[in-house]
Amino acid sequence: MICSLCEFDCERYTEHHLIPKTVHSNKWFKKRYTREQMSETTPVCRECHHAIHDLIPSEKDLGRKYNSIQDLKSNAKIKKYLKWMKRKS
């Protein structure tokens, strides 16, 4: 499986909720997104999944500002992490 963030082939991956489950009951999200939109996930390797939550710890920020792979990749901290990942491999 190809990680949708670092784009490396990985054996073990997890599904990242683009809108974190912890905010699904929040009124702001309920008004703006359907259940289907809030349930969307993307496959990411374990390292990237940990990095997403470590580098952007606010679940609300993840859901509001970074609810697509393109938005995640535009985050300065994630960009720096991806650069590091490419050098690492």
N, C-alpha and C. Protein backbone atom coordinates (compact mmCIF):
# COMPACT_ATOMS: atom_id res chain seq x y z
N MET A 1 0.86 -1.18 0.00
CA MET A 1 0.00 0.00 0.00
C MET A 1 0.90 1.24 0.00
N ILE A 2 0.51 2.22 -0.75
CA ILE A 2 1.25 3.48 -0.82
C ILE A 2 0.67 4.46 0.21
N CYS A 3 1.54 5.01 1.02
CA CYS A 3 1.12 6.01 2.01
C CYS A 3 0.71 7.28 1.25
N SER A 4 -0.45 7.80 1.58
CA SER A 4 -0.93 8.99 0.87
C SER A 4 -0.20 10.26 1.29
N LEU A 5 0.58 10.21 2.36
CA LEU A 5 1.32 11.40 2.79
C LEU A 5 2.76 11.38 2.28
N CYS A 6 3.53 10.38 2.67
CA CYS A 6 4.94 10.33 2.25
C CYS A 6 5.12 9.67 0.88
N GLU A 7 4.08 8.98 0.42
CA GLU A 7 4.06 8.31 -0.89
C GLU A 7 5.05 7.16 -1.02
N PHE A 8 5.46 6.60 0.11
CA PHE A 8 6.31 5.41 0.09
C PHE A 8 5.44 4.17 0.18
N ASP A 9 5.95 3.08 -0.35
CA ASP A 9 5.26 1.81 -0.25
C ASP A 9 5.49 1.27 1.16
N CYS A 10 4.43 0.92 1.86
CA CYS A 10 4.57 0.44 3.22
C CYS A 10 3.76 -0.84 3.42
N GLU A 11 4.30 -1.71 4.25
CA GLU A 11 3.62 -2.97 4.53
C GLU A 11 2.46 -2.78 5.50
N ARG A 12 2.71 -1.97 6.51
CA ARG A 12 1.68 -1.75 7.54
C ARG A 12 1.24 -0.30 7.49
N TYR A 13 -0.04 -0.12 7.39
CA TYR A 13 -0.57 1.23 7.34
C TYR A 13 -1.81 1.33 8.22
N THR A 14 -2.22 2.56 8.46
CA THR A 14 -3.43 2.82 9.24
C THR A 14 -4.31 3.77 8.44
N GLU A 15 -5.55 3.88 8.83
CA GLU A 15 -6.47 4.81 8.18
C GLU A 15 -6.54 6.08 9.03
N HIS A 16 -6.21 7.21 8.42
CA HIS A 16 -6.28 8.49 9.12
C HIS A 16 -7.62 9.14 8.79
N HIS A 17 -8.41 9.48 9.81
CA HIS A 17 -9.65 10.21 9.60
C HIS A 17 -9.29 11.66 9.28
N LEU A 18 -9.71 12.12 8.12
CA LEU A 18 -9.38 13.48 7.71
C LEU A 18 -10.05 14.50 8.63
N ILE A 19 -11.21 14.16 9.15
CA ILE A 19 -11.85 14.94 10.21
C ILE A 19 -11.88 14.01 11.43
N PRO A 20 -11.06 14.30 12.44
CA PRO A 20 -10.94 13.39 13.58
C PRO A 20 -12.29 13.03 14.22
N LYS A 21 -12.40 11.78 14.63
CA LYS A 21 -13.64 11.29 15.23
C LYS A 21 -14.03 12.07 16.48
N THR A 22 -13.06 12.61 17.19
CA THR A 22 -13.35 13.32 18.43
C THR A 22 -14.15 14.59 18.22
N VAL A 23 -14.18 15.12 16.99
CA VAL A 23 -14.93 16.35 16.73
C VAL A 23 -16.24 16.12 15.97
N HIS A 24 -16.57 14.87 15.69
CA HIS A 24 -17.77 14.57 14.91
C HIS A 24 -19.05 15.07 15.57
N SER A 25 -19.08 15.16 16.88
CA SER A 25 -20.30 15.61 17.57
C SER A 25 -20.34 17.13 17.75
N ASN A 26 -19.27 17.81 17.39
CA ASN A 26 -19.18 19.26 17.52
C ASN A 26 -20.13 19.94 16.52
N LYS A 27 -20.89 20.92 16.99
CA LYS A 27 -21.88 21.61 16.15
C LYS A 27 -21.26 22.24 14.91
N TRP A 28 -20.09 22.84 15.05
CA TRP A 28 -19.42 23.50 13.92
C TRP A 28 -19.22 22.51 12.77
N PHE A 29 -18.79 21.30 13.09
CA PHE A 29 -18.54 20.29 12.07
C PHE A 29 -19.86 19.72 11.53
N LYS A 30 -20.83 19.50 12.41
CA LYS A 30 -22.13 18.97 11.99
C LYS A 30 -22.82 19.88 10.98
N LYS A 31 -22.65 21.20 11.14
CA LYS A 31 -23.28 22.16 10.22
C LYS A 31 -22.61 22.17 8.85
N ARG A 32 -21.33 21.86 8.81
CA ARG A 32 -20.55 22.04 7.58
C ARG A 32 -20.26 20.76 6.80
N TYR A 33 -20.35 19.62 7.46
CA TYR A 33 -19.98 18.36 6.80
C TYR A 33 -21.06 17.31 6.98
N THR A 34 -21.19 16.45 5.97
CA THR A 34 -22.11 15.32 6.07
C THR A 34 -21.43 14.21 6.86
N ARG A 35 -22.19 13.21 7.24
CA ARG A 35 -21.61 12.05 7.93
C ARG A 35 -20.57 11.36 7.05
N GLU A 36 -20.88 11.29 5.75
CA GLU A 36 -19.95 10.64 4.82
C GLU A 36 -18.63 11.41 4.76
N GLN A 37 -18.72 12.73 4.71
CA GLN A 37 -17.50 13.53 4.67
C GLN A 37 -16.69 13.36 5.96
N MET A 38 -17.37 13.30 7.08
CA MET A 38 -16.66 13.15 8.35
C MET A 38 -16.09 11.75 8.52
N SER A 39 -16.59 10.79 7.77
CA SER A 39 -16.10 9.42 7.89
C SER A 39 -14.96 9.12 6.92
N GLU A 40 -14.62 10.06 6.05
CA GLU A 40 -13.56 9.82 5.08
C GLU A 40 -12.22 9.57 5.75
N THR A 41 -11.52 8.57 5.24
CA THR A 41 -10.18 8.24 5.74
C THR A 41 -9.22 8.16 4.56
N THR A 42 -7.94 8.16 4.88
CA THR A 42 -6.91 7.99 3.87
C THR A 42 -5.83 7.07 4.45
N PRO A 43 -5.28 6.17 3.64
CA PRO A 43 -4.24 5.27 4.16
C PRO A 43 -2.91 5.98 4.34
N VAL A 44 -2.36 5.87 5.53
CA VAL A 44 -1.03 6.43 5.81
C VAL A 44 -0.21 5.40 6.58
N CYS A 45 1.10 5.46 6.41
CA CYS A 45 1.96 4.56 7.18
C CYS A 45 1.92 4.99 8.65
N ARG A 46 2.32 4.10 9.51
CA ARG A 46 2.25 4.38 10.95
C ARG A 46 3.09 5.60 11.33
N GLU A 47 4.27 5.72 10.70
CA GLU A 47 5.15 6.85 11.02
C GLU A 47 4.47 8.17 10.68
N CYS A 48 3.86 8.23 9.51
CA CYS A 48 3.18 9.47 9.11
C CYS A 48 1.97 9.75 9.98
N HIS A 49 1.25 8.71 10.36
CA HIS A 49 0.08 8.91 11.21
C HIS A 49 0.49 9.50 12.55
N HIS A 50 1.55 8.97 13.12
CA HIS A 50 2.06 9.53 14.39
C HIS A 50 2.53 10.97 14.19
N ALA A 51 3.21 11.22 13.08
CA ALA A 51 3.72 12.57 12.81
C ALA A 51 2.57 13.57 12.67
N ILE A 52 1.51 13.19 11.99
CA ILE A 52 0.35 14.09 11.82
C ILE A 52 -0.15 14.54 13.18
N HIS A 53 -0.37 13.57 14.07
CA HIS A 53 -0.95 13.90 15.38
C HIS A 53 0.06 14.56 16.33
N ASP A 54 1.34 14.27 16.14
CA ASP A 54 2.36 14.93 16.97
C ASP A 54 2.60 16.37 16.52
N LEU A 55 2.62 16.60 15.21
CA LEU A 55 2.95 17.92 14.68
C LEU A 55 1.75 18.87 14.65
N ILE A 56 0.55 18.30 14.58
CA ILE A 56 -0.68 19.11 14.63
C ILE A 56 -1.57 18.51 15.73
N PRO A 57 -1.27 18.82 16.98
CA PRO A 57 -1.96 18.15 18.10
C PRO A 57 -3.43 18.53 18.28
N SER A 58 -3.85 19.67 17.76
CA SER A 58 -5.24 20.09 17.93
C SER A 58 -6.15 19.36 16.95
N GLU A 59 -7.06 18.56 17.48
CA GLU A 59 -8.00 17.81 16.65
C GLU A 59 -8.90 18.77 15.87
N LYS A 60 -9.27 19.88 16.49
CA LYS A 60 -10.11 20.87 15.80
C LYS A 60 -9.37 21.48 14.62
N ASP A 61 -8.08 21.80 14.81
CA ASP A 61 -7.28 22.33 13.70
C ASP A 61 -7.17 21.32 12.57
N LEU A 62 -6.95 20.05 12.93
CA LEU A 62 -6.88 19.01 11.92
C LEU A 62 -8.16 18.97 11.10
N GLY A 63 -9.29 19.00 11.78
CA GLY A 63 -10.57 18.93 11.09
C GLY A 63 -10.93 20.17 10.31
N ARG A 64 -10.57 21.33 10.82
CA ARG A 64 -10.94 22.59 10.16
C ARG A 64 -9.98 23.00 9.05
N LYS A 65 -8.69 22.90 9.32
CA LYS A 65 -7.69 23.42 8.39
C LYS A 65 -7.00 22.36 7.54
N TYR A 66 -6.91 21.15 8.05
CA TYR A 66 -6.10 20.13 7.39
C TYR A 66 -6.91 18.87 7.12
N ASN A 67 -8.08 19.03 6.49
CA ASN A 67 -8.95 17.87 6.27
C ASN A 67 -8.83 17.27 4.88
N SER A 68 -7.67 17.45 4.27
CA SER A 68 -7.35 16.76 3.01
C SER A 68 -5.83 16.53 2.99
N ILE A 69 -5.40 15.61 2.16
CA ILE A 69 -3.97 15.33 2.06
C ILE A 69 -3.23 16.58 1.56
N GLN A 70 -3.81 17.30 0.60
CA GLN A 70 -3.17 18.51 0.09
C GLN A 70 -3.00 19.54 1.21
N ASP A 71 -4.02 19.69 2.04
CA ASP A 71 -3.93 20.65 3.15
C ASP A 71 -2.88 20.21 4.16
N LEU A 72 -2.82 18.92 4.44
CA LEU A 72 -1.79 18.42 5.37
C LEU A 72 -0.40 18.70 4.82
N LYS A 73 -0.21 18.42 3.52
CA LYS A 73 1.10 18.63 2.91
C LYS A 73 1.49 20.11 2.85
N SER A 74 0.52 21.00 2.97
CA SER A 74 0.83 22.43 2.92
C SER A 74 1.28 22.97 4.28
N ASN A 75 1.08 22.21 5.35
CA ASN A 75 1.49 22.62 6.69
C ASN A 75 3.02 22.65 6.78
N ALA A 76 3.59 23.72 7.32
CA ALA A 76 5.04 23.89 7.37
C ALA A 76 5.74 22.75 8.13
N LYS A 77 5.16 22.33 9.25
CA LYS A 77 5.78 21.26 10.03
C LYS A 77 5.73 19.92 9.29
N ILE A 78 4.63 19.68 8.60
CA ILE A 78 4.50 18.43 7.82
C ILE A 78 5.46 18.46 6.64
N LYS A 79 5.60 19.63 5.99
CA LYS A 79 6.56 19.76 4.88
C LYS A 79 7.96 19.40 5.34
N LYS A 80 8.35 19.92 6.50
CA LYS A 80 9.68 19.65 7.05
C LYS A 80 9.83 18.15 7.36
N TYR A 81 8.78 17.56 7.90
CA TYR A 81 8.80 16.12 8.20
C TYR A 81 8.95 15.32 6.91
N LEU A 82 8.22 15.67 5.86
CA LEU A 82 8.29 14.93 4.60
C LEU A 82 9.66 15.05 3.95
N LYS A 83 10.27 16.23 4.08
CA LYS A 83 11.64 16.42 3.58
C LYS A 83 12.60 15.47 4.30
N TRP A 84 12.43 15.39 5.61
CA TRP A 84 13.25 14.50 6.43
C TRP A 84 13.03 13.04 6.02
N MET A 85 11.79 12.67 5.78
CA MET A 85 11.46 11.30 5.38
C MET A 85 12.15 10.93 4.06
N LYS A 86 12.15 11.85 3.11
CA LYS A 86 12.77 11.58 1.81
C LYS A 86 14.27 11.39 1.96
N ARG A 87 14.91 12.19 2.83
CA ARG A 87 16.36 12.02 3.06
C ARG A 87 16.65 10.72 3.78
N LYS A 88 15.74 10.32 4.65
CA LYS A 88 15.92 9.13 5.46
C LYS A 88 15.93 7.85 4.60
N SER A 89 15.16 7.85 3.54
CA SER A 89 15.05 6.62 2.75
C SER A 89 16.09 6.47 1.67
